[in-house]
Amino acid sequence: MSRPDDELTGLANLKTAMATAEMWRNESSFQGAEVGCIAVDLDHFKEFNNALGHVVGDVVLIQIAVRISNAFQNGEIISISADVFYIFIPDVRSENQIEEMVAFLYRLLDAPIEIPDLTLPYERDSYPYDLNPVIDEHTVRVRVNIGYAVTKRGDAPGDCLFRAEESLNEAKLSERNQE
């Protein structure tokens, strides 16, 4: 039997999160409300991981998971799949509610990440993108892209997840066109 949580971050896996979101959708207590999904992608994380090392990448994933988990403690379920975090929100009353959460997440995740016990293995000119993630020998900053969606009447959470991922892809394309 496999463990339902991500071993590194302790977050739910996507299958567990989707099952919970489906349960919310079916519960009568959430009548008149919808389920929201926010998808948070760590931009260029593969290249980040390759340039700075997997230990640093793991620390970053854990720190992002902690920040999101600490910020969302009102019944939301948070999951991870590779370098994308998913936040499923029950009882969404308006799209504006989700938009406010997205704006908050951009601010929350823009803060530098301390890597206190490691000296970052990094040559100043070796990172392949213009935005250098290293602030100093113990601090990095990651860029994120965020997409979101809210279920429509009759939607399954999988439909909402699909639309959140489409929104995320649009955000990535928009960001990359500005690089």
Protein backbone atom coordinates (compact mmCIF):
# COMPACT_ATOMS: atom_id res chain seq x y z
CA MET A 1 0.00 0.00 0.00
CA SER A 2 1.44 3.38 -0.96
CA ARG A 3 1.60 6.32 1.37
CA PRO A 4 -0.88 9.08 0.44
CA ASP A 5 1.50 11.95 1.21
CA ASP A 6 4.49 13.35 -0.62
CA GLU A 7 7.51 12.02 1.29
CA LEU A 8 9.55 15.21 0.96
CA THR A 9 6.94 17.85 1.82
CA GLY A 10 4.33 15.84 3.72
CA LEU A 11 1.63 17.31 1.49
CA ALA A 12 -1.18 15.25 0.05
CA ASN A 13 -0.66 13.73 -3.35
CA LEU A 14 -2.89 14.93 -6.17
CA LYS A 15 -5.09 11.80 -6.09
CA THR A 16 -5.89 12.34 -2.39
CA ALA A 17 -6.57 16.04 -2.96
CA MET A 18 -8.89 15.32 -5.88
CA ALA A 19 -10.83 12.76 -3.82
CA THR A 20 -11.28 15.34 -1.04
CA ALA A 21 -12.41 18.00 -3.51
CA GLU A 22 -14.91 15.55 -5.00
CA MET A 23 -16.28 14.86 -1.51
CA TRP A 24 -16.68 18.62 -0.91
CA ARG A 25 -18.55 18.99 -4.16
CA ASN A 26 -20.96 16.24 -3.18
CA GLU A 27 -21.62 17.46 0.36
CA SER A 28 -24.86 19.28 0.89
CA SER A 29 -23.21 21.73 3.29
CA PHE A 30 -21.44 23.33 0.34
CA GLN A 31 -24.60 23.91 -1.70
CA GLY A 32 -24.51 27.34 -3.29
CA ALA A 33 -20.74 27.43 -3.19
CA GLU A 34 -18.08 26.05 -5.47
CA VAL A 35 -14.66 24.43 -5.16
CA GLY A 36 -11.65 26.47 -6.24
CA CYS A 37 -8.28 25.27 -7.43
CA ILE A 38 -5.05 27.27 -7.49
CA ALA A 39 -2.00 25.86 -9.30
CA VAL A 40 1.42 27.29 -8.31
CA ASP A 41 4.36 26.45 -10.57
CA LEU A 42 7.97 27.10 -9.59
CA ASP A 43 9.24 28.74 -12.77
CA HIS A 44 12.26 27.06 -14.40
CA PHE A 45 12.61 24.77 -11.38
CA LYS A 46 14.34 22.00 -13.33
CA GLU A 47 17.09 24.39 -14.40
CA PHE A 48 17.22 25.86 -10.87
CA ASN A 49 17.59 22.35 -9.44
CA ASN A 50 20.31 21.43 -11.94
CA ALA A 51 22.28 24.65 -11.40
CA LEU A 52 22.10 24.74 -7.60
CA GLY A 53 21.79 21.05 -6.78
CA HIS A 54 18.99 18.78 -5.67
CA VAL A 55 19.62 19.37 -1.97
CA VAL A 56 18.95 23.08 -2.45
CA GLY A 57 15.94 22.22 -4.64
CA ASP A 58 14.54 19.98 -1.90
CA VAL A 59 14.99 22.72 0.71
CA VAL A 60 13.14 25.15 -1.58
CA LEU A 61 10.25 22.70 -2.11
CA ILE A 62 9.97 22.14 1.64
CA GLN A 63 10.06 25.89 2.41
CA ILE A 64 7.41 26.66 -0.22
CA ALA A 65 5.23 23.83 1.16
CA VAL A 66 5.58 25.24 4.69
CA ARG A 67 4.71 28.78 3.57
CA ILE A 68 1.62 27.65 1.70
CA SER A 69 0.53 25.26 4.48
CA ASN A 70 0.89 27.97 7.12
CA ALA A 71 -1.07 30.44 5.01
CA PHE A 72 -3.96 28.11 4.20
CA GLN A 73 -5.39 26.59 7.36
CA ASN A 74 -9.14 26.98 6.88
CA GLY A 75 -10.00 23.57 5.48
CA GLU A 76 -8.11 23.85 2.21
CA ILE A 77 -6.15 20.84 0.99
CA ILE A 78 -2.73 21.37 -0.52
CA SER A 79 -0.99 18.87 -2.76
CA ILE A 80 2.14 18.65 -4.83
CA SER A 81 2.96 17.02 -8.12
CA ALA A 82 6.60 17.50 -9.17
CA ASP A 83 7.20 21.27 -8.92
CA VAL A 84 3.54 22.32 -9.01
CA PHE A 85 1.58 22.94 -5.82
CA TYR A 86 -2.21 22.67 -5.93
CA ILE A 87 -4.51 24.32 -3.41
CA PHE A 88 -8.12 23.16 -3.39
CA ILE A 89 -10.48 25.53 -1.60
CA PRO A 90 -13.95 24.54 -0.40
CA ASP A 91 -16.87 26.91 -0.13
CA VAL A 92 -15.77 29.46 -2.72
CA ARG A 93 -18.40 32.18 -3.05
CA SER A 94 -16.85 34.31 -5.80
CA GLU A 95 -14.00 34.39 -8.28
CA ASN A 96 -12.82 37.57 -6.51
CA GLN A 97 -12.15 35.45 -3.41
CA ILE A 98 -9.74 33.27 -5.42
CA GLU A 99 -8.12 36.30 -7.10
CA GLU A 100 -7.35 37.76 -3.66
CA MET A 101 -5.73 34.45 -2.65
CA VAL A 102 -3.63 34.46 -5.83
CA ALA A 103 -2.41 38.02 -5.17
CA PHE A 104 -1.54 37.00 -1.61
CA LEU A 105 0.38 33.93 -2.87
CA TYR A 106 2.48 36.02 -5.26
CA ARG A 107 3.51 38.25 -2.33
CA LEU A 108 4.08 35.32 0.03
CA LEU A 109 6.23 33.34 -2.39
CA ASP A 110 8.29 36.31 -3.58
CA ALA A 111 10.08 36.50 -0.22
CA PRO A 112 13.64 35.14 -0.24
CA ILE A 113 14.27 31.58 0.94
CA GLU A 114 17.03 31.00 3.45
CA ILE A 115 19.30 28.00 2.90
CA PRO A 116 21.15 28.35 6.23
CA ASP A 117 23.22 25.17 6.40
CA LEU A 118 24.55 25.17 2.86
CA THR A 119 26.84 27.33 0.81
CA LEU A 120 25.23 27.55 -2.59
CA PRO A 121 27.28 25.84 -5.33
CA TYR A 122 26.94 28.53 -7.89
CA GLU A 123 28.99 30.40 -10.43
CA ARG A 124 27.54 33.87 -11.00
CA ASP A 125 27.20 33.50 -14.79
CA SER A 126 26.13 29.85 -14.94
CA TYR A 127 22.40 30.27 -14.43
CA PRO A 128 20.64 30.07 -17.81
CA TYR A 129 18.03 32.80 -17.27
CA ASP A 130 18.22 36.51 -16.76
CA LEU A 131 16.80 36.50 -13.26
CA ASN A 132 19.55 35.16 -11.05
CA PRO A 133 17.93 33.18 -8.19
CA VAL A 134 20.88 33.57 -5.81
CA ILE A 135 20.76 36.59 -3.54
CA ASP A 136 23.79 35.62 -1.46
CA GLU A 137 25.57 32.41 -0.46
CA HIS A 138 22.67 31.33 1.79
CA THR A 139 19.59 32.88 0.17
CA VAL A 140 17.63 32.28 -3.03
CA ARG A 141 14.47 33.61 -4.60
CA VAL A 142 12.24 31.59 -6.89
CA ARG A 143 9.77 32.91 -9.40
CA VAL A 144 6.31 31.44 -9.53
CA ASN A 145 3.47 31.38 -11.98
CA ILE A 146 -0.06 30.91 -10.72
CA GLY A 147 -3.25 29.79 -12.40
CA TYR A 148 -6.68 29.28 -10.89
CA ALA A 149 -10.23 28.22 -11.60
CA VAL A 150 -13.52 27.73 -9.81
CA THR A 151 -15.88 24.85 -10.50
CA LYS A 152 -18.95 25.65 -12.51
CA ARG A 153 -22.26 24.00 -11.70
CA GLY A 154 -22.01 20.32 -12.52
CA ASP A 155 -18.22 20.33 -12.90
CA ALA A 156 -16.08 17.68 -11.34
CA PRO A 157 -12.95 18.87 -9.50
CA GLY A 158 -10.94 17.40 -12.37
CA ASP A 159 -12.56 19.94 -14.70
CA CYS A 160 -11.58 22.71 -12.32
CA LEU A 161 -8.02 21.35 -12.09
CA PHE A 162 -7.80 21.25 -15.89
CA ARG A 163 -8.92 24.90 -16.16
CA ALA A 164 -6.50 25.93 -13.37
CA GLU A 165 -3.67 24.27 -15.32
CA GLU A 166 -4.76 26.06 -18.51
CA SER A 167 -4.73 29.34 -16.57
CA LEU A 168 -1.28 28.44 -15.22
CA ASN A 169 0.01 27.78 -18.75
CA GLU A 170 -1.32 31.17 -19.88
CA ALA A 171 0.49 32.83 -16.94
CA LYS A 172 3.73 31.02 -17.87
CA LEU A 173 3.47 32.10 -21.51
CA SER A 174 2.77 35.67 -20.51
CA GLU A 175 5.76 35.71 -18.14
CA ARG A 176 8.09 34.07 -20.64
CA ASN A 177 7.12 36.53 -23.35
CA GLN A 178 8.40 39.27 -21.04
CA GLU A 179 11.82 37.61 -20.47
